[in-house]
Amino acid sequence: MTTTPTVSIAMPAYNAEKYLPDAIESILAQTFSDWELIIADDGSTDGTAEIIRTYEERDCRIRSVRMPCNSGRCLEPRLAAVHAAKADLVMCVDADDVLDADLVEQALRRREKTGVEIVLPVMARFTGVPGGRPQFVVPASSFPLERVMKGMEAALLTIGHWKIAFIAALCPKALYLKTEKLLPASGARNLDEALTRILLDNAVSVAWIPARYWYRDTPGSVTHSPKVVESVALTNAAVLEYMRGRHGMDSEAALRAEAALFVSVIDMLYLPWPDLKTVAALRTQVRPHRIRHLVSRKHIAALRLGLRAASLIFRTYGHFKKR
């Protein structure tokens, strides 16, 4: 490895002993070898630190940073690893996922050929062994992977529904450092998803490769947290705040983000015991009359009855729908 690697791979890890070796081995197996792997241990209490130490001793391209305490989310350790990166290009990978062996090579080749800022792989979600038949793939098979688009266009494909995936994106470190400062303050657990949209929105151009990033669906992950609905809502609120400030209150990006927050508000009202105080605070950021073409009019009508009444209607409907 050269003194300054071509790519720095940033990996946040928290109590990841079960799958961390698989993730590291998939990076060691890459056909492109001029990389460094920085693992940010987010205060793990299992054998994660020992696994990291073993691999550091085995390969000089692997090093770690230790968070002072557990942050409770991926954003802080991910950014800590990015800040520690020596390369001008970074790629973020989760500690329970794996990469196709030529993913890094494909990304670098595509970036050199097209001159884009960000290169994205295909994400395949799986529960068993990577490489088999995935539960689903993002982007869908109909998406033209040969396409090159503006960063803002790509950002719009992540609002509301994730039509593209950002994980393992080859991205300039400088862009991370720039957009980190644009991230609104939020207590959302998955705030790194807001950072994703901001990164794309600030990129000049984006391209794709067919190499797959294998996303492991694990029961203990953040996406299965009991508070995931509220966290998604808070993240959508952060995205809305950013899009309004960046593009204007009535821009397409802001209206889509507003619609996504509206859907989150409805999702929270479907919960058995919704936090109506939080719902009310988020509800004030939404203007249903401006986004009525993007959301359900039945939900808009229900909200006019008030949050308590709407919550009762949605929970009753959800109860009978499950029967």
C-alpha atoms as a PDB file:
ATOM      1  CA  MET A   1       0.000   0.000   0.000  1.00  0.00           C
ATOM      2  CA  THR A   2       1.211   3.530  -0.785  1.00  0.00           C
ATOM      3  CA  THR A   3       1.636   6.117   1.976  1.00  0.00           C
ATOM      4  CA  THR A   4      -1.611   7.734   0.881  1.00  0.00           C
ATOM      5  CA  PRO A   5      -4.119   5.115  -0.243  1.00  0.00           C
ATOM      6  CA  THR A   6      -6.410   5.681  -3.210  1.00  0.00           C
ATOM      7  CA  VAL A   7      -9.546   4.899  -1.199  1.00  0.00           C
ATOM      8  CA  SER A   8     -10.383   5.048   2.503  1.00  0.00           C
ATOM      9  CA  ILE A   9     -13.176   2.702   3.563  1.00  0.00           C
ATOM     10  CA  ALA A  10     -15.032   3.966   6.652  1.00  0.00           C
ATOM     11  CA  MET A  11     -16.847   1.422   8.807  1.00  0.00           C
ATOM     12  CA  PRO A  12     -18.832   2.246  11.975  1.00  0.00           C
ATOM     13  CA  ALA A  13     -19.166  -0.744  14.289  1.00  0.00           C
ATOM     14  CA  TYR A  14     -21.159  -1.337  17.449  1.00  0.00           C
ATOM     15  CA  ASN A  15     -21.412  -4.809  19.024  1.00  0.00           C
ATOM     16  CA  ALA A  16     -20.818  -6.275  15.586  1.00  0.00           C
ATOM     17  CA  GLU A  17     -18.817  -9.372  16.541  1.00  0.00           C
ATOM     18  CA  LYS A  18     -21.207 -11.768  14.781  1.00  0.00           C
ATOM     19  CA  TYR A  19     -20.831 -10.324  11.295  1.00  0.00           C
ATOM     20  CA  LEU A  20     -17.805  -8.002  11.435  1.00  0.00           C
ATOM     21  CA  PRO A  21     -15.350 -10.659  10.180  1.00  0.00           C
ATOM     22  CA  ASP A  22     -17.517 -11.202   7.075  1.00  0.00           C
ATOM     23  CA  ALA A  23     -17.492  -7.479   6.349  1.00  0.00           C
ATOM     24  CA  ILE A  24     -13.719  -7.176   6.770  1.00  0.00           C
ATOM     25  CA  GLU A  25     -13.013 -10.311   4.732  1.00  0.00           C
ATOM     26  CA  SER A  26     -15.075  -8.937   1.836  1.00  0.00           C
ATOM     27  CA  ILE A  27     -12.815  -5.881   1.822  1.00  0.00           C
ATOM     28  CA  LEU A  28      -9.653  -7.961   2.041  1.00  0.00           C
ATOM     29  CA  ALA A  29     -10.951  -9.876  -0.993  1.00  0.00           C
ATOM     30  CA  GLN A  30     -11.251  -6.772  -3.168  1.00  0.00           C
ATOM     31  CA  THR A  31      -9.566  -6.968  -6.578  1.00  0.00           C
ATOM     32  CA  PHE A  32      -8.309  -3.397  -6.028  1.00  0.00           C
ATOM     33  CA  SER A  33      -5.836  -3.442  -3.166  1.00  0.00           C
ATOM     34  CA  ASP A  34      -4.724   0.175  -2.619  1.00  0.00           C
ATOM     35  CA  TRP A  35      -7.194   0.953   0.148  1.00  0.00           C
ATOM     36  CA  GLU A  36      -7.255   1.520   3.886  1.00  0.00           C
ATOM     37  CA  LEU A  37     -10.017   0.397   6.205  1.00  0.00           C
ATOM     38  CA  ILE A  38     -10.863   2.586   9.205  1.00  0.00           C
ATOM     39  CA  ILE A  39     -13.186   0.969  11.727  1.00  0.00           C
ATOM     40  CA  ALA A  40     -14.835   3.317  14.221  1.00  0.00           C
ATOM     41  CA  ASP A  41     -15.761   1.313  17.316  1.00  0.00           C
ATOM     42  CA  ASP A  42     -18.784   3.041  18.817  1.00  0.00           C
ATOM     43  CA  GLY A  43     -18.257   1.878  22.400  1.00  0.00           C
ATOM     44  CA  SER A  44     -18.828  -1.834  21.768  1.00  0.00           C
ATOM     45  CA  THR A  45     -19.222  -4.088  24.804  1.00  0.00           C
ATOM     46  CA  ASP A  46     -18.861  -7.452  23.036  1.00  0.00           C
ATOM     47  CA  GLY A  47     -15.868  -8.889  21.167  1.00  0.00           C
ATOM     48  CA  THR A  48     -15.830  -6.225  18.453  1.00  0.00           C
ATOM     49  CA  ALA A  49     -12.692  -4.493  19.755  1.00  0.00           C
ATOM     50  CA  GLU A  50     -10.763  -7.778  19.888  1.00  0.00           C
ATOM     51  CA  ILE A  51     -11.766  -8.652  16.332  1.00  0.00           C
ATOM     52  CA  ILE A  52     -10.613  -5.244  15.149  1.00  0.00           C
ATOM     53  CA  ARG A  53      -7.302  -5.658  16.988  1.00  0.00           C
ATOM     54  CA  THR A  54      -6.722  -9.057  15.383  1.00  0.00           C
ATOM     55  CA  TYR A  55      -7.222  -7.690  11.890  1.00  0.00           C
ATOM     56  CA  GLU A  56      -5.078  -4.616  12.582  1.00  0.00           C
ATOM     57  CA  GLU A  57      -2.210  -6.935  13.486  1.00  0.00           C
ATOM     58  CA  ARG A  58      -2.847  -9.046  10.405  1.00  0.00           C
ATOM     59  CA  ASP A  59      -2.993  -6.239   7.803  1.00  0.00           C
ATOM     60  CA  CYS A  60      -1.373  -2.793   8.018  1.00  0.00           C
ATOM     61  CA  ARG A  61      -4.105  -1.323   5.809  1.00  0.00           C
ATOM     62  CA  ILE A  62      -6.593  -1.727   8.657  1.00  0.00           C
ATOM     63  CA  ARG A  63      -6.741   0.702  11.575  1.00  0.00           C
ATOM     64  CA  SER A  64      -9.330   1.861  14.054  1.00  0.00           C
ATOM     65  CA  VAL A  65     -10.644   4.795  16.024  1.00  0.00           C
ATOM     66  CA  ARG A  66     -12.523   4.404  19.299  1.00  0.00           C
ATOM     67  CA  MET A  67     -15.474   6.634  20.123  1.00  0.00           C
ATOM     68  CA  PRO A  68     -15.363   8.010  23.704  1.00  0.00           C
ATOM     69  CA  CYS A  69     -18.842   6.578  24.378  1.00  0.00           C
ATOM     70  CA  ASN A  70     -21.647   4.954  22.463  1.00  0.00           C
ATOM     71  CA  SER A  71     -23.383   7.532  20.270  1.00  0.00           C
ATOM     72  CA  GLY A  72     -26.550   5.488  19.760  1.00  0.00           C
ATOM     73  CA  ARG A  73     -26.495   5.963  16.000  1.00  0.00           C
ATOM     74  CA  CYS A  74     -24.293   5.490  12.941  1.00  0.00           C
ATOM     75  CA  LEU A  75     -23.703   9.152  12.090  1.00  0.00           C
ATOM     76  CA  GLU A  76     -21.001  10.023  14.625  1.00  0.00           C
ATOM     77  CA  PRO A  77     -18.758   6.942  14.185  1.00  0.00           C
ATOM     78  CA  ARG A  78     -19.191   7.100  10.408  1.00  0.00           C
ATOM     79  CA  LEU A  79     -18.036  10.717  10.328  1.00  0.00           C
ATOM     80  CA  ALA A  80     -15.215   9.957  12.789  1.00  0.00           C
ATOM     81  CA  ALA A  81     -13.894   7.348  10.355  1.00  0.00           C
ATOM     82  CA  VAL A  82     -14.270   9.772   7.432  1.00  0.00           C
ATOM     83  CA  HIS A  83     -12.332  12.456   9.329  1.00  0.00           C
ATOM     84  CA  ALA A  84      -9.538   9.946   9.994  1.00  0.00           C
ATOM     85  CA  ALA A  85      -9.301   8.986   6.314  1.00  0.00           C
ATOM     86  CA  LYS A  86      -5.999   9.569   4.543  1.00  0.00           C
ATOM     87  CA  ALA A  87      -7.368   9.238   1.008  1.00  0.00           C
ATOM     88  CA  ASP A  88      -9.186  11.911  -0.974  1.00  0.00           C
ATOM     89  CA  LEU A  89     -11.909   9.381  -1.795  1.00  0.00           C
ATOM     90  CA  VAL A  90     -13.967   7.599   0.849  1.00  0.00           C
ATOM     91  CA  MET A  91     -16.456   4.753   0.820  1.00  0.00           C
ATOM     92  CA  CYS A  92     -18.706   4.010   3.815  1.00  0.00           C
ATOM     93  CA  VAL A  93     -19.539   0.378   4.585  1.00  0.00           C
ATOM     94  CA  ASP A  94     -21.541  -1.061   7.490  1.00  0.00           C
ATOM     95  CA  ALA A  95     -20.051  -3.679   9.808  1.00  0.00           C
ATOM     96  CA  ASP A  96     -22.594  -6.405   9.052  1.00  0.00           C
ATOM     97  CA  ASP A  97     -22.625  -6.132   5.245  1.00  0.00           C
ATOM     98  CA  VAL A  98     -20.378  -7.425   2.447  1.00  0.00           C
ATOM     99  CA  LEU A  99     -19.183  -6.215  -0.959  1.00  0.00           C
ATOM    100  CA  ASP A 100     -18.809  -7.887  -4.307  1.00  0.00           C
ATOM    101  CA  ALA A 101     -15.093  -8.568  -4.802  1.00  0.00           C
ATOM    102  CA  ASP A 102     -14.728  -6.029  -7.621  1.00  0.00           C
ATOM    103  CA  LEU A 103     -16.947  -3.273  -6.199  1.00  0.00           C
ATOM    104  CA  VAL A 104     -14.120  -0.853  -5.374  1.00  0.00           C
ATOM    105  CA  GLU A 105     -12.412  -1.496  -8.698  1.00  0.00           C
ATOM    106  CA  GLN A 106     -15.630  -0.931 -10.635  1.00  0.00           C
ATOM    107  CA  ALA A 107     -16.363   2.298  -8.747  1.00  0.00           C
ATOM    108  CA  LEU A 108     -12.916   3.767  -9.414  1.00  0.00           C
ATOM    109  CA  ARG A 109     -13.038   2.784 -13.080  1.00  0.00           C
ATOM    110  CA  ARG A 110     -16.506   4.303 -13.506  1.00  0.00           C
ATOM    111  CA  ARG A 111     -15.466   7.535 -11.799  1.00  0.00           C
ATOM    112  CA  GLU A 112     -12.390   7.854 -14.000  1.00  0.00           C
ATOM    113  CA  LYS A 113     -14.406   7.198 -17.152  1.00  0.00           C
ATOM    114  CA  THR A 114     -17.297   9.578 -16.410  1.00  0.00           C
ATOM    115  CA  GLY A 115     -15.666  12.243 -14.251  1.00  0.00           C
ATOM    116  CA  VAL A 116     -18.564  12.186 -11.768  1.00  0.00           C
ATOM    117  CA  GLU A 117     -18.207  13.076  -8.107  1.00  0.00           C
ATOM    118  CA  ILE A 118     -20.130  10.123  -6.659  1.00  0.00           C
ATOM    119  CA  VAL A 119     -20.397   6.516  -7.832  1.00  0.00           C
ATOM    120  CA  LEU A 120     -23.116   4.278  -6.380  1.00  0.00           C
ATOM    121  CA  PRO A 121     -23.420   0.471  -6.418  1.00  0.00           C
ATOM    122  CA  VAL A 122     -26.547  -1.651  -6.460  1.00  0.00           C
ATOM    123  CA  MET A 123     -27.812  -2.643  -3.004  1.00  0.00           C
ATOM    124  CA  ALA A 124     -29.073  -6.203  -2.544  1.00  0.00           C
ATOM    125  CA  ARG A 125     -30.887  -6.921   0.718  1.00  0.00           C
ATOM    126  CA  PHE A 126     -30.503 -10.435   2.121  1.00  0.00           C
ATOM    127  CA  THR A 127     -31.079 -12.468   5.286  1.00  0.00           C
ATOM    128  CA  GLY A 128     -29.067 -15.644   4.632  1.00  0.00           C
ATOM    129  CA  VAL A 129     -25.840 -15.961   2.706  1.00  0.00           C
ATOM    130  CA  PRO A 130     -24.699 -13.075   0.466  1.00  0.00           C
ATOM    131  CA  GLY A 131     -24.550 -13.901  -3.202  1.00  0.00           C
ATOM    132  CA  GLY A 132     -27.821 -15.792  -3.266  1.00  0.00           C
ATOM    133  CA  ARG A 133     -31.239 -14.515  -4.214  1.00  0.00           C
ATOM    134  CA  PRO A 134     -31.827 -11.176  -2.424  1.00  0.00           C
ATOM    135  CA  GLN A 135     -35.121 -10.024  -0.923  1.00  0.00           C
ATOM    136  CA  PHE A 136     -35.024  -7.004  -3.172  1.00  0.00           C
ATOM    137  CA  VAL A 137     -32.555  -4.889  -5.115  1.00  0.00           C
ATOM    138  CA  VAL A 138     -32.190  -1.070  -5.235  1.00  0.00           C
ATOM    139  CA  PRO A 139     -32.276   0.458  -7.758  1.00  0.00           C
ATOM    140  CA  ALA A 140     -34.785  -1.789  -9.511  1.00  0.00           C
ATOM    141  CA  SER A 141     -33.722  -3.854 -12.525  1.00  0.00           C
ATOM    142  CA  SER A 142     -35.477  -1.356 -14.811  1.00  0.00           C
ATOM    143  CA  PHE A 143     -33.168   1.470 -13.674  1.00  0.00           C
ATOM    144  CA  PRO A 144     -30.586   2.402 -16.352  1.00  0.00           C
ATOM    145  CA  LEU A 145     -27.263   1.879 -14.563  1.00  0.00           C
ATOM    146  CA  GLU A 146     -25.388   3.456 -17.472  1.00  0.00           C
ATOM    147  CA  ARG A 147     -27.071   6.760 -16.701  1.00  0.00           C
ATOM    148  CA  VAL A 148     -25.232   9.816 -15.356  1.00  0.00           C
ATOM    149  CA  MET A 149     -27.346  12.439 -13.595  1.00  0.00           C
ATOM    150  CA  LYS A 150     -27.035  15.605 -11.582  1.00  0.00           C
ATOM    151  CA  GLY A 151     -26.661  15.217  -7.846  1.00  0.00           C
ATOM    152  CA  MET A 152     -29.929  17.014  -7.113  1.00  0.00           C
ATOM    153  CA  GLU A 153     -31.816  14.637  -9.441  1.00  0.00           C
ATOM    154  CA  ALA A 154     -30.345  11.697  -7.560  1.00  0.00           C
ATOM    155  CA  ALA A 155     -31.269  13.249  -4.206  1.00  0.00           C
ATOM    156  CA  LEU A 156     -34.914  13.450  -5.290  1.00  0.00           C
ATOM    157  CA  LEU A 157     -34.862   9.683  -5.885  1.00  0.00           C
ATOM    158  CA  THR A 158     -34.214   9.146  -2.161  1.00  0.00           C
ATOM    159  CA  ILE A 159     -37.042  11.285  -0.759  1.00  0.00           C
ATOM    160  CA  GLY A 160     -40.196   9.435   0.213  1.00  0.00           C
ATOM    161  CA  HIS A 161     -39.116   6.121  -1.276  1.00  0.00           C
ATOM    162  CA  TRP A 162     -35.520   4.970  -1.718  1.00  0.00           C
ATOM    163  CA  LYS A 163     -35.389   4.406  -5.472  1.00  0.00           C
ATOM    164  CA  ILE A 164     -31.585   4.356  -5.285  1.00  0.00           C
ATOM    165  CA  ALA A 165     -29.205   3.341  -2.484  1.00  0.00           C
ATOM    166  CA  PHE A 166     -26.293   5.399  -1.179  1.00  0.00           C
ATOM    167  CA  ILE A 167     -24.361   2.909   0.941  1.00  0.00           C
ATOM    168  CA  ALA A 168     -20.787   2.145  -0.264  1.00  0.00           C
ATOM    169  CA  ALA A 169     -20.838   5.275  -2.380  1.00  0.00           C
ATOM    170  CA  LEU A 170     -17.435   6.342  -3.683  1.00  0.00           C
ATOM    171  CA  CYS A 171     -17.370   9.992  -2.670  1.00  0.00           C
ATOM    172  CA  PRO A 172     -14.782  12.765  -2.157  1.00  0.00           C
ATOM    173  CA  LYS A 173     -13.810  13.229   1.472  1.00  0.00           C
ATOM    174  CA  ALA A 174     -14.019  16.989   0.910  1.00  0.00           C
ATOM    175  CA  LEU A 175     -17.701  16.648   0.017  1.00  0.00           C
ATOM    176  CA  TYR A 176     -18.360  14.842   3.310  1.00  0.00           C
ATOM    177  CA  LEU A 177     -16.575  17.584   5.254  1.00  0.00           C
ATOM    178  CA  LYS A 178     -18.540  20.272   3.409  1.00  0.00           C
ATOM    179  CA  THR A 179     -21.970  18.727   3.788  1.00  0.00           C
ATOM    180  CA  GLU A 180     -21.449  17.705   7.407  1.00  0.00           C
ATOM    181  CA  LYS A 181     -21.706  21.405   8.258  1.00  0.00           C
ATOM    182  CA  LEU A 182     -25.039  21.680   6.427  1.00  0.00           C
ATOM    183  CA  LEU A 183     -26.722  18.954   8.459  1.00  0.00           C
ATOM    184  CA  PRO A 184     -29.562  20.339  10.625  1.00  0.00           C
ATOM    185  CA  ALA A 185     -29.429  19.531  14.335  1.00  0.00           C
ATOM    186  CA  SER A 186     -31.669  16.560  15.115  1.00  0.00           C
ATOM    187  CA  GLY A 187     -32.052  13.757  17.606  1.00  0.00           C
ATOM    188  CA  ALA A 188     -33.032  11.308  14.876  1.00  0.00           C
ATOM    189  CA  ARG A 189     -31.312   7.970  15.311  1.00  0.00           C
ATOM    190  CA  ASN A 190     -30.798   7.490  11.573  1.00  0.00           C
ATOM    191  CA  LEU A 191     -29.693  11.046  10.833  1.00  0.00           C
ATOM    192  CA  ASP A 192     -27.001   9.681   8.514  1.00  0.00           C
ATOM    193  CA  GLU A 193     -29.847   9.156   6.029  1.00  0.00           C
ATOM    194  CA  ALA A 194     -30.377  12.922   6.027  1.00  0.00           C
ATOM    195  CA  LEU A 195     -26.662  13.385   5.381  1.00  0.00           C
ATOM    196  CA  THR A 196     -27.033  11.056   2.391  1.00  0.00           C
ATOM    197  CA  ARG A 197     -29.560  13.375   0.764  1.00  0.00           C
ATOM    198  CA  ILE A 198     -27.392  16.421   1.465  1.00  0.00           C
ATOM    199  CA  LEU A 199     -24.325  14.733  -0.038  1.00  0.00           C
ATOM    200  CA  LEU A 200     -26.201  13.880  -3.214  1.00  0.00           C
ATOM    201  CA  ASP A 201     -27.783  17.332  -3.442  1.00  0.00           C
ATOM    202  CA  ASN A 202     -24.353  18.978  -3.247  1.00  0.00           C
ATOM    203  CA  ALA A 203     -22.703  16.647  -5.770  1.00  0.00           C
ATOM    204  CA  VAL A 204     -22.262  17.860  -9.313  1.00  0.00           C
ATOM    205  CA  SER A 205     -22.961  14.459 -10.854  1.00  0.00           C
ATOM    206  CA  VAL A 206     -23.645  10.820  -9.965  1.00  0.00           C
ATOM    207  CA  ALA A 207     -23.160   7.506 -11.782  1.00  0.00           C
ATOM    208  CA  TRP A 208     -23.822   3.825 -11.044  1.00  0.00           C
ATOM    209  CA  ILE A 209     -22.085   0.455 -11.294  1.00  0.00           C
ATOM    210  CA  PRO A 210     -23.647  -3.035 -11.404  1.00  0.00           C
ATOM    211  CA  ALA A 211     -21.465  -4.351  -8.552  1.00  0.00           C
ATOM    212  CA  ARG A 212     -23.570  -5.251  -5.518  1.00  0.00           C
ATOM    213  CA  TYR A 213     -23.412  -4.127  -1.942  1.00  0.00           C
ATOM    214  CA  TRP A 214     -24.997  -6.914   0.123  1.00  0.00           C
ATOM    215  CA  TYR A 215     -27.086  -5.354   2.895  1.00  0.00           C
ATOM    216  CA  ARG A 216     -27.752  -7.798   5.710  1.00  0.00           C
ATOM    217  CA  ASP A 217     -31.206  -7.557   7.268  1.00  0.00           C
ATOM    218  CA  THR A 218     -30.552  -8.275  10.952  1.00  0.00           C
ATOM    219  CA  PRO A 219     -33.198  -8.197  13.736  1.00  0.00           C
ATOM    220  CA  GLY A 220     -30.991  -6.112  16.035  1.00  0.00           C
ATOM    221  CA  SER A 221     -30.211  -3.374  13.529  1.00  0.00           C
ATOM    222  CA  VAL A 222     -31.321   0.257  13.832  1.00  0.00           C
ATOM    223  CA  THR A 223     -33.950  -0.328  11.122  1.00  0.00           C
ATOM    224  CA  HIS A 224     -35.757  -2.714  13.512  1.00  0.00           C
ATOM    225  CA  SER A 225     -35.680  -0.359  16.501  1.00  0.00           C
ATOM    226  CA  PRO A 226     -39.011   0.086  18.370  1.00  0.00           C
ATOM    227  CA  LYS A 227     -38.643   3.838  17.794  1.00  0.00           C
ATOM    228  CA  VAL A 228     -37.860   3.554  14.101  1.00  0.00           C
ATOM    229  CA  VAL A 229     -41.093   5.283  12.999  1.00  0.00           C
ATOM    230  CA  GLU A 230     -40.372   8.333  15.143  1.00  0.00           C
ATOM    231  CA  SER A 231     -36.733   8.328  14.062  1.00  0.00           C
ATOM    232  CA  VAL A 232     -37.710   8.271  10.380  1.00  0.00           C
ATOM    233  CA  ALA A 233     -40.078  11.180  11.029  1.00  0.00           C
ATOM    234  CA  LEU A 234     -37.343  13.227  12.713  1.00  0.00           C
ATOM    235  CA  THR A 235     -34.985  12.445   9.831  1.00  0.00           C
ATOM    236  CA  ASN A 236     -37.607  13.545   7.317  1.00  0.00           C
ATOM    237  CA  ALA A 237     -38.038  16.763   9.300  1.00  0.00           C
ATOM    238  CA  ALA A 238     -34.287  17.387   9.072  1.00  0.00           C
ATOM    239  CA  VAL A 239     -34.357  16.760   5.303  1.00  0.00           C
ATOM    240  CA  LEU A 240     -37.306  19.152   4.951  1.00  0.00           C
ATOM    241  CA  GLU A 241     -35.491  21.875   6.905  1.00  0.00           C
ATOM    242  CA  TYR A 242     -32.445  21.496   4.681  1.00  0.00           C
ATOM    243  CA  MET A 243     -34.376  21.423   1.384  1.00  0.00           C
ATOM    244  CA  ARG A 244     -36.414  24.489   2.278  1.00  0.00           C
ATOM    245  CA  GLY A 245     -33.286  26.415   3.199  1.00  0.00           C
ATOM    246  CA  ARG A 246     -31.373  25.242   0.133  1.00  0.00           C
ATOM    247  CA  HIS A 247     -34.028  25.350  -2.593  1.00  0.00           C
ATOM    248  CA  GLY A 248     -36.958  27.359  -1.216  1.00  0.00           C
ATOM    249  CA  MET A 249     -40.249  26.594   0.525  1.00  0.00           C
ATOM    250  CA  ASP A 250     -42.119  25.609  -2.625  1.00  0.00           C
ATOM    251  CA  SER A 251     -39.318  23.926  -4.569  1.00  0.00           C
ATOM    252  CA  GLU A 252     -39.899  20.400  -5.854  1.00  0.00           C
ATOM    253  CA  ALA A 253     -37.315  19.051  -3.394  1.00  0.00           C
ATOM    254  CA  ALA A 254     -38.958  20.809  -0.436  1.00  0.00           C
ATOM    255  CA  LEU A 255     -42.481  19.716  -1.415  1.00  0.00           C
ATOM    256  CA  ARG A 256     -41.359  16.095  -1.763  1.00  0.00           C
ATOM    257  CA  ALA A 257     -39.652  16.288   1.617  1.00  0.00           C
ATOM    258  CA  GLU A 258     -42.803  17.829   3.081  1.00  0.00           C
ATOM    259  CA  ALA A 259     -44.875  14.954   1.666  1.00  0.00           C
ATOM    260  CA  ALA A 260     -42.425  12.441   3.175  1.00  0.00           C
ATOM    261  CA  LEU A 261     -42.799  14.116   6.577  1.00  0.00           C
ATOM    262  CA  PHE A 262     -46.592  14.075   6.200  1.00  0.00           C
ATOM    263  CA  VAL A 263     -46.494  10.314   5.607  1.00  0.00           C
ATOM    264  CA  SER A 264     -44.292   9.934   8.689  1.00  0.00           C
ATOM    265  CA  VAL A 265     -46.830  11.858  10.762  1.00  0.00           C
ATOM    266  CA  ILE A 266     -49.541   9.480   9.573  1.00  0.00           C
ATOM    267  CA  ASP A 267     -47.329   6.471  10.320  1.00  0.00           C
ATOM    268  CA  MET A 268     -46.831   7.733  13.869  1.00  0.00           C
ATOM    269  CA  LEU A 269     -50.602   8.051  14.338  1.00  0.00           C
ATOM    270  CA  TYR A 270     -50.982   4.376  13.421  1.00  0.00           C
ATOM    271  CA  LEU A 271     -48.789   3.381  16.387  1.00  0.00           C
ATOM    272  CA  PRO A 272     -50.522   1.773  19.415  1.00  0.00           C
ATOM    273  CA  TRP A 273     -49.383   4.572  21.720  1.00  0.00           C
ATOM    274  CA  PRO A 274     -48.385   7.570  19.568  1.00  0.00           C
ATOM    275  CA  ASP A 275     -46.454  10.430  21.138  1.00  0.00           C
ATOM    276  CA  LEU A 276     -48.978  13.119  20.240  1.00  0.00           C
ATOM    277  CA  LYS A 277     -46.715  15.909  21.499  1.00  0.00           C
ATOM    278  CA  THR A 278     -44.010  14.934  18.987  1.00  0.00           C
ATOM    279  CA  VAL A 279     -46.620  14.362  16.277  1.00  0.00           C
ATOM    280  CA  ALA A 280     -48.086  17.819  16.892  1.00  0.00           C
ATOM    281  CA  ALA A 281     -44.654  19.452  16.626  1.00  0.00           C
ATOM    282  CA  LEU A 282     -43.956  17.699  13.324  1.00  0.00           C
ATOM    283  CA  ARG A 283     -47.481  18.376  12.060  1.00  0.00           C
ATOM    284  CA  THR A 284     -46.892  22.144  12.245  1.00  0.00           C
ATOM    285  CA  GLN A 285     -44.137  21.810   9.607  1.00  0.00           C
ATOM    286  CA  VAL A 286     -46.542  20.326   7.056  1.00  0.00           C
ATOM    287  CA  ARG A 287     -48.945  22.228   4.778  1.00  0.00           C
ATOM    288  CA  PRO A 288     -51.366  19.607   3.443  1.00  0.00           C
ATOM    289  CA  HIS A 289     -52.931  22.024   0.929  1.00  0.00           C
ATOM    290  CA  ARG A 290     -49.524  22.422  -0.759  1.00  0.00           C
ATOM    291  CA  ILE A 291     -48.834  18.695  -1.066  1.00  0.00           C
ATOM    292  CA  ARG A 292     -52.333  17.302  -1.635  1.00  0.00           C
ATOM    293  CA  HIS A 293     -51.230  15.988  -5.060  1.00  0.00           C
ATOM    294  CA  LEU A 294     -48.471  13.949  -3.373  1.00  0.00           C
ATOM    295  CA  VAL A 295     -50.310  12.383  -0.419  1.00  0.00           C
ATOM    296  CA  SER A 296     -53.592  10.646   0.414  1.00  0.00           C
ATOM    297  CA  ARG A 297     -56.557  13.029   0.572  1.00  0.00           C
ATOM    298  CA  LYS A 298     -58.258  10.641   3.006  1.00  0.00           C
ATOM    299  CA  HIS A 299     -55.380  11.196   5.440  1.00  0.00           C
ATOM    300  CA  ILE A 300     -55.637  14.958   4.968  1.00  0.00           C
ATOM    301  CA  ALA A 301     -59.360  14.801   5.719  1.00  0.00           C
ATOM    302  CA  ALA A 302     -58.749  12.700   8.842  1.00  0.00           C
ATOM    303  CA  LEU A 303     -56.166  15.164  10.177  1.00  0.00           C
ATOM    304  CA  ARG A 304     -58.741  17.955   9.985  1.00  0.00           C
ATOM    305  CA  LEU A 305     -60.594  16.170  12.798  1.00  0.00           C
ATOM    306  CA  GLY A 306     -57.580  16.661  15.092  1.00  0.00           C
ATOM    307  CA  LEU A 307     -54.679  14.410  16.069  1.00  0.00           C
ATOM    308  CA  ARG A 308     -56.505  12.442  18.765  1.00  0.00           C
ATOM    309  CA  ALA A 309     -59.464  11.683  16.540  1.00  0.00           C
ATOM    310  CA  ALA A 310     -57.239  10.868  13.569  1.00  0.00           C
ATOM    311  CA  SER A 311     -55.089   8.590  15.741  1.00  0.00           C
ATOM    312  CA  LEU A 312     -58.177   6.716  16.951  1.00  0.00           C
ATOM    313  CA  ILE A 313     -59.424   6.299  13.371  1.00  0.00           C
ATOM    314  CA  PHE A 314     -56.070   5.047  12.080  1.00  0.00           C
ATOM    315  CA  ARG A 315     -55.474   2.664  14.994  1.00  0.00           C
ATOM    316  CA  THR A 316     -58.996   1.236  14.702  1.00  0.00           C
ATOM    317  CA  TYR A 317     -58.555   0.786  10.973  1.00  0.00           C
ATOM    318  CA  GLY A 318     -55.140  -0.825  11.489  1.00  0.00           C
ATOM    319  CA  HIS A 319     -56.579  -3.219  14.102  1.00  0.00           C
ATOM    320  CA  PHE A 320     -59.357  -4.462  11.859  1.00  0.00           C
ATOM    321  CA  LYS A 321     -57.061  -4.613   8.826  1.00  0.00           C
ATOM    322  CA  LYS A 322     -54.797  -7.071  10.674  1.00  0.00           C
ATOM    323  CA  ARG A 323     -57.687  -9.390  11.565  1.00  0.00           C
END
